[in-house]
Amino acid sequence: MIFTIHQSINIHFLKIGSISNSSVVQIGSTGCIQAQSDVYNTGGYTEAAEPAEPVGEPSIIRLQQPDQ
């Protein structure tokens, strides 16, 4: 299936609050988004880090039922 899309997009202000490991910003349409993951050893480490240990007690957050 082939689509031809003609668009005109005007962006006057774009604010991105945060970027995470799997962030995607899309303006307009796209035919394909391919995942990319890059890992760099910028510190020159030669061995694995020590295992993380928990700090404090785990928190339990009770969520309210939404109004229906």
PDB file of N, CA and C in Angstrom:
ATOM      1  N   MET A   1       0.843  -1.161   0.000  1.00  0.00           N
ATOM      2  CA  MET A   1       0.000   0.000   0.000  1.00  0.00           C
ATOM      3  C   MET A   1       0.899   1.238   0.000  1.00  0.00           C
ATOM      4  N   ILE A   2       0.669   2.159  -0.878  1.00  0.00           N
ATOM      5  CA  ILE A   2       1.486   3.361  -1.017  1.00  0.00           C
ATOM      6  C   ILE A   2       0.616   4.579  -0.737  1.00  0.00           C
ATOM      7  N   PHE A   3       1.089   5.441   0.148  1.00  0.00           N
ATOM      8  CA  PHE A   3       0.407   6.687   0.458  1.00  0.00           C
ATOM      9  C   PHE A   3       1.274   7.851   0.011  1.00  0.00           C
ATOM     10  N   THR A   4       0.680   8.863  -0.537  1.00  0.00           N
ATOM     11  CA  THR A   4       1.377  10.111  -0.829  1.00  0.00           C
ATOM     12  C   THR A   4       0.750  11.188   0.038  1.00  0.00           C
ATOM     13  N   ILE A   5       1.558  11.811   0.885  1.00  0.00           N
ATOM     14  CA  ILE A   5       1.056  12.796   1.834  1.00  0.00           C
ATOM     15  C   ILE A   5       1.765  14.114   1.578  1.00  0.00           C
ATOM     16  N   HIS A   6       0.992  15.166   1.412  1.00  0.00           N
ATOM     17  CA  HIS A   6       1.540  16.515   1.272  1.00  0.00           C
ATOM     18  C   HIS A   6       1.194  17.274   2.541  1.00  0.00           C
ATOM     19  N   GLN A   7       2.196  17.855   3.189  1.00  0.00           N
ATOM     20  CA  GLN A   7       1.981  18.515   4.469  1.00  0.00           C
ATOM     21  C   GLN A   7       2.622  19.893   4.476  1.00  0.00           C
ATOM     22  N   SER A   8       2.067  20.747   5.293  1.00  0.00           N
ATOM     23  CA  SER A   8       2.675  22.034   5.591  1.00  0.00           C
ATOM     24  C   SER A   8       2.595  22.206   7.101  1.00  0.00           C
ATOM     25  N   ILE A   9       3.733  22.253   7.770  1.00  0.00           N
ATOM     26  CA  ILE A   9       3.774  22.304   9.231  1.00  0.00           C
ATOM     27  C   ILE A   9       4.522  23.555   9.655  1.00  0.00           C
ATOM     28  N   ASN A  10       3.903  24.345  10.514  1.00  0.00           N
ATOM     29  CA  ASN A  10       4.543  25.529  11.091  1.00  0.00           C
ATOM     30  C   ASN A  10       4.649  25.333  12.592  1.00  0.00           C
ATOM     31  N   ILE A  11       5.859  25.364  13.110  1.00  0.00           N
ATOM     32  CA  ILE A  11       6.072  25.205  14.553  1.00  0.00           C
ATOM     33  C   ILE A  11       6.613  26.532  15.067  1.00  0.00           C
ATOM     34  N   HIS A  12       5.845  27.149  15.958  1.00  0.00           N
ATOM     35  CA  HIS A  12       6.268  28.423  16.518  1.00  0.00           C
ATOM     36  C   HIS A  12       7.046  28.235  17.819  1.00  0.00           C
ATOM     37  N   PHE A  13       6.763  27.172  18.537  1.00  0.00           N
ATOM     38  CA  PHE A  13       7.461  26.924  19.799  1.00  0.00           C
ATOM     39  C   PHE A  13       7.388  25.434  20.077  1.00  0.00           C
ATOM     40  N   LEU A  14       8.517  24.805  20.378  1.00  0.00           N
ATOM     41  CA  LEU A  14       8.562  23.390  20.720  1.00  0.00           C
ATOM     42  C   LEU A  14       9.414  23.242  21.964  1.00  0.00           C
ATOM     43  N   LYS A  15       8.814  22.751  23.036  1.00  0.00           N
ATOM     44  CA  LYS A  15       9.547  22.562  24.290  1.00  0.00           C
ATOM     45  C   LYS A  15       9.507  21.086  24.636  1.00  0.00           C
ATOM     46  N   ILE A  16      10.668  20.490  24.837  1.00  0.00           N
ATOM     47  CA  ILE A  16      10.774  19.085  25.227  1.00  0.00           C
ATOM     48  C   ILE A  16      11.246  19.069  26.665  1.00  0.00           C
ATOM     49  N   GLY A  17      10.403  18.548  27.552  1.00  0.00           N
ATOM     50  CA  GLY A  17      10.698  18.557  28.984  1.00  0.00           C
ATOM     51  C   GLY A  17      11.799  17.596  29.376  1.00  0.00           C
ATOM     52  N   SER A  18      11.841  16.416  28.791  1.00  0.00           N
ATOM     53  CA  SER A  18      12.873  15.447  29.153  1.00  0.00           C
ATOM     54  C   SER A  18      13.041  14.439  28.017  1.00  0.00           C
ATOM     55  N   ILE A  19      14.172  13.793  28.021  1.00  0.00           N
ATOM     56  CA  ILE A  19      14.485  12.749  27.048  1.00  0.00           C
ATOM     57  C   ILE A  19      14.804  11.487  27.830  1.00  0.00           C
ATOM     58  N   SER A  20      14.203  10.376  27.447  1.00  0.00           N
ATOM     59  CA  SER A  20      14.498   9.112  28.110  1.00  0.00           C
ATOM     60  C   SER A  20      15.065   8.133  27.090  1.00  0.00           C
ATOM     61  N   ASN A  21      15.305   6.917  27.540  1.00  0.00           N
ATOM     62  CA  ASN A  21      15.951   5.932  26.673  1.00  0.00           C
ATOM     63  C   ASN A  21      15.137   5.593  25.429  1.00  0.00           C
ATOM     64  N   SER A  22      13.841   5.719  25.497  1.00  0.00           N
ATOM     65  CA  SER A  22      13.029   5.337  24.341  1.00  0.00           C
ATOM     66  C   SER A  22      12.140   6.486  23.877  1.00  0.00           C
ATOM     67  N   SER A  23      12.699   7.673  23.833  1.00  0.00           N
ATOM     68  CA  SER A  23      11.928   8.840  23.423  1.00  0.00           C
ATOM     69  C   SER A  23      11.841   8.937  21.913  1.00  0.00           C
ATOM     70  N   VAL A  24      10.678   9.362  21.433  1.00  0.00           N
ATOM     71  CA  VAL A  24      10.468   9.603  20.012  1.00  0.00           C
ATOM     72  C   VAL A  24       9.729  10.919  19.877  1.00  0.00           C
ATOM     73  N   VAL A  25      10.278  11.823  19.083  1.00  0.00           N
ATOM     74  CA  VAL A  25       9.572  13.057  18.749  1.00  0.00           C
ATOM     75  C   VAL A  25       9.238  12.966  17.275  1.00  0.00           C
ATOM     76  N   GLN A  26       7.962  13.026  16.968  1.00  0.00           N
ATOM     77  CA  GLN A  26       7.542  12.918  15.573  1.00  0.00           C
ATOM     78  C   GLN A  26       6.734  14.147  15.213  1.00  0.00           C
ATOM     79  N   ILE A  27       7.135  14.792  14.159  1.00  0.00           N
ATOM     80  CA  ILE A  27       6.399  15.921  13.616  1.00  0.00           C
ATOM     81  C   ILE A  27       6.060  15.555  12.181  1.00  0.00           C
ATOM     82  N   GLY A  28       4.779  15.445  11.881  1.00  0.00           N
ATOM     83  CA  GLY A  28       4.379  15.025  10.549  1.00  0.00           C
ATOM     84  C   GLY A  28       4.198  13.526  10.504  1.00  0.00           C
ATOM     85  N   SER A  29       4.392  12.950   9.343  1.00  0.00           N
ATOM     86  CA  SER A  29       4.187  11.513   9.186  1.00  0.00           C
ATOM     87  C   SER A  29       5.498  10.858   8.783  1.00  0.00           C
ATOM     88  N   THR A  30       5.575   9.584   9.029  1.00  0.00           N
ATOM     89  CA  THR A  30       6.779   8.833   8.693  1.00  0.00           C
ATOM     90  C   THR A  30       6.389   7.471   8.141  1.00  0.00           C
ATOM     91  N   GLY A  31       7.221   6.943   7.307  1.00  0.00           N
ATOM     92  CA  GLY A  31       6.962   5.619   6.769  1.00  0.00           C
ATOM     93  C   GLY A  31       7.468   4.528   7.678  1.00  0.00           C
ATOM     94  N   CYS A  32       8.549   4.801   8.410  1.00  0.00           N
ATOM     95  CA  CYS A  32       9.162   3.765   9.225  1.00  0.00           C
ATOM     96  C   CYS A  32      10.003   4.403  10.317  1.00  0.00           C
ATOM     97  N   ILE A  33       9.856   3.931  11.533  1.00  0.00           N
ATOM     98  CA  ILE A  33      10.733   4.350  12.627  1.00  0.00           C
ATOM     99  C   ILE A  33      11.511   3.119  13.050  1.00  0.00           C
ATOM    100  N   GLN A  34      12.821   3.193  13.012  1.00  0.00           N
ATOM    101  CA  GLN A  34      13.653   2.065  13.400  1.00  0.00           C
ATOM    102  C   GLN A  34      14.345   2.387  14.715  1.00  0.00           C
ATOM    103  N   ALA A  35      14.357   1.425  15.614  1.00  0.00           N
ATOM    104  CA  ALA A  35      14.985   1.601  16.909  1.00  0.00           C
ATOM    105  C   ALA A  35      16.503   1.640  16.762  1.00  0.00           C
ATOM    106  N   GLN A  36      17.136   2.438  17.597  1.00  0.00           N
ATOM    107  CA  GLN A  36      18.597   2.508  17.606  1.00  0.00           C
ATOM    108  C   GLN A  36      19.041   2.603  19.047  1.00  0.00           C
ATOM    109  N   SER A  37      20.029   1.811  19.406  1.00  0.00           N
ATOM    110  CA  SER A  37      20.559   1.822  20.754  1.00  0.00           C
ATOM    111  C   SER A  37      22.078   1.881  20.671  1.00  0.00           C
ATOM    112  N   ASP A  38      22.657   2.891  21.292  1.00  0.00           N
ATOM    113  CA  ASP A  38      24.102   3.050  21.282  1.00  0.00           C
ATOM    114  C   ASP A  38      24.628   2.988  22.717  1.00  0.00           C
ATOM    115  N   VAL A  39      25.650   2.205  22.933  1.00  0.00           N
ATOM    116  CA  VAL A  39      26.263   2.088  24.247  1.00  0.00           C
ATOM    117  C   VAL A  39      27.740   2.460  24.104  1.00  0.00           C
ATOM    118  N   TYR A  40      28.176   3.412  24.915  1.00  0.00           N
ATOM    119  CA  TYR A  40      29.559   3.872  24.847  1.00  0.00           C
ATOM    120  C   TYR A  40      30.223   3.726  26.202  1.00  0.00           C
ATOM    121  N   ASN A  41      31.456   3.298  26.212  1.00  0.00           N
ATOM    122  CA  ASN A  41      32.235   3.212  27.441  1.00  0.00           C
ATOM    123  C   ASN A  41      33.142   4.437  27.497  1.00  0.00           C
ATOM    124  N   THR A  42      32.555   5.587  27.828  1.00  0.00           N
ATOM    125  CA  THR A  42      33.324   6.833  27.810  1.00  0.00           C
ATOM    126  C   THR A  42      34.251   6.962  29.000  1.00  0.00           C
ATOM    127  N   GLY A  43      34.050   6.145  30.043  1.00  0.00           N
ATOM    128  CA  GLY A  43      34.912   6.216  31.224  1.00  0.00           C
ATOM    129  C   GLY A  43      36.118   5.293  31.138  1.00  0.00           C
ATOM    130  N   GLY A  44      36.186   4.460  30.118  1.00  0.00           N
ATOM    131  CA  GLY A  44      37.309   3.545  29.969  1.00  0.00           C
ATOM    132  C   GLY A  44      37.310   2.421  30.994  1.00  0.00           C
ATOM    133  N   TYR A  45      36.119   2.017  31.483  1.00  0.00           N
ATOM    134  CA  TYR A  45      36.037   0.965  32.490  1.00  0.00           C
ATOM    135  C   TYR A  45      36.402  -0.383  31.877  1.00  0.00           C
ATOM    136  N   THR A  46      37.054  -1.225  32.676  1.00  0.00           N
ATOM    137  CA  THR A  46      37.502  -2.522  32.169  1.00  0.00           C
ATOM    138  C   THR A  46      36.766  -3.689  32.801  1.00  0.00           C
ATOM    139  N   GLU A  47      35.946  -3.432  33.835  1.00  0.00           N
ATOM    140  CA  GLU A  47      35.191  -4.515  34.465  1.00  0.00           C
ATOM    141  C   GLU A  47      33.804  -4.011  34.850  1.00  0.00           C
ATOM    142  N   ALA A  48      32.919  -4.944  35.167  1.00  0.00           N
ATOM    143  CA  ALA A  48      31.535  -4.594  35.498  1.00  0.00           C
ATOM    144  C   ALA A  48      31.461  -3.857  36.832  1.00  0.00           C
ATOM    145  N   ALA A  49      30.434  -3.046  36.991  1.00  0.00           N
ATOM    146  CA  ALA A  49      30.218  -2.314  38.240  1.00  0.00           C
ATOM    147  C   ALA A  49      29.708  -3.265  39.314  1.00  0.00           C
ATOM    148  N   GLU A  50      29.843  -2.842  40.570  1.00  0.00           N
ATOM    149  CA  GLU A  50      29.325  -3.637  41.681  1.00  0.00           C
ATOM    150  C   GLU A  50      27.801  -3.680  41.607  1.00  0.00           C
ATOM    151  N   PRO A  51      27.185  -4.765  42.060  1.00  0.00           N
ATOM    152  CA  PRO A  51      25.723  -4.845  42.037  1.00  0.00           C
ATOM    153  C   PRO A  51      25.106  -3.755  42.921  1.00  0.00           C
ATOM    154  N   ALA A  52      23.977  -3.225  42.487  1.00  0.00           N
ATOM    155  CA  ALA A  52      23.287  -2.197  43.268  1.00  0.00           C
ATOM    156  C   ALA A  52      22.614  -2.833  44.479  1.00  0.00           C
ATOM    157  N   GLU A  53      22.569  -2.092  45.582  1.00  0.00           N
ATOM    158  CA  GLU A  53      21.907  -2.569  46.787  1.00  0.00           C
ATOM    159  C   GLU A  53      20.742  -1.648  47.105  1.00  0.00           C
ATOM    160  N   PRO A  54      19.606  -2.203  47.573  1.00  0.00           N
ATOM    161  CA  PRO A  54      18.452  -1.364  47.884  1.00  0.00           C
ATOM    162  C   PRO A  54      18.751  -0.413  49.036  1.00  0.00           C
ATOM    163  N   VAL A  55      18.148   0.775  48.970  1.00  0.00           N
ATOM    164  CA  VAL A  55      18.311   1.776  50.014  1.00  0.00           C
ATOM    165  C   VAL A  55      16.948   2.025  50.639  1.00  0.00           C
ATOM    166  N   GLY A  56      16.801   1.779  51.925  1.00  0.00           N
ATOM    167  CA  GLY A  56      15.537   2.029  52.613  1.00  0.00           C
ATOM    168  C   GLY A  56      14.469   0.993  52.279  1.00  0.00           C
ATOM    169  N   GLU A  57      13.270   1.256  52.781  1.00  0.00           N
ATOM    170  CA  GLU A  57      12.134   0.359  52.570  1.00  0.00           C
ATOM    171  C   GLU A  57      11.412   0.714  51.275  1.00  0.00           C
ATOM    172  N   PRO A  58      10.843  -0.280  50.596  1.00  0.00           N
ATOM    173  CA  PRO A  58      10.074   0.031  49.386  1.00  0.00           C
ATOM    174  C   PRO A  58       8.803   0.807  49.744  1.00  0.00           C
ATOM    175  N   SER A  59       8.395   1.698  48.875  1.00  0.00           N
ATOM    176  CA  SER A  59       7.203   2.507  49.096  1.00  0.00           C
ATOM    177  C   SER A  59       5.995   1.858  48.445  1.00  0.00           C
ATOM    178  N   ILE A  60       4.864   1.971  49.119  1.00  0.00           N
ATOM    179  CA  ILE A  60       3.603   1.504  48.551  1.00  0.00           C
ATOM    180  C   ILE A  60       2.733   2.733  48.351  1.00  0.00           C
ATOM    181  N   ILE A  61       2.321   2.949  47.121  1.00  0.00           N
ATOM    182  CA  ILE A  61       1.483   4.092  46.792  1.00  0.00           C
ATOM    183  C   ILE A  61       0.126   3.559  46.379  1.00  0.00           C
ATOM    184  N   ARG A  62      -0.903   3.914  47.133  1.00  0.00           N
ATOM    185  CA  ARG A  62      -2.248   3.442  46.842  1.00  0.00           C
ATOM    186  C   ARG A  62      -2.915   4.421  45.879  1.00  0.00           C
ATOM    187  N   LEU A  63      -3.431   3.895  44.773  1.00  0.00           N
ATOM    188  CA  LEU A  63      -4.093   4.718  43.765  1.00  0.00           C
ATOM    189  C   LEU A  63      -5.586   4.733  44.018  1.00  0.00           C
ATOM    190  N   GLN A  64      -6.210   5.870  43.746  1.00  0.00           N
ATOM    191  CA  GLN A  64      -7.657   5.983  43.915  1.00  0.00           C
ATOM    192  C   GLN A  64      -8.360   5.462  42.673  1.00  0.00           C
ATOM    193  N   GLN A  65      -9.569   4.927  42.888  1.00  0.00           N
ATOM    194  CA  GLN A  65     -10.388   4.507  41.763  1.00  0.00           C
ATOM    195  C   GLN A  65     -10.853   5.743  41.013  1.00  0.00           C
ATOM    196  N   PRO A  66     -10.829   5.737  39.682  1.00  0.00           N
ATOM    197  CA  PRO A  66     -11.316   6.902  38.931  1.00  0.00           C
ATOM    198  C   PRO A  66     -12.828   7.054  39.097  1.00  0.00           C
ATOM    199  N   ASP A  67     -13.312   8.290  39.092  1.00  0.00           N
ATOM    200  CA  ASP A  67     -14.753   8.550  39.174  1.00  0.00           C
ATOM    201  C   ASP A  67     -15.434   8.070  37.906  1.00  0.00           C
ATOM    202  N   GLN A  68     -16.559   7.418  38.077  1.00  0.00           N
ATOM    203  CA  GLN A  68     -17.261   6.899  36.906  1.00  0.00           C
ATOM    204  C   GLN A  68     -18.599   7.550  36.746  1.00  0.00           C
TER     205      GLN A  68
END
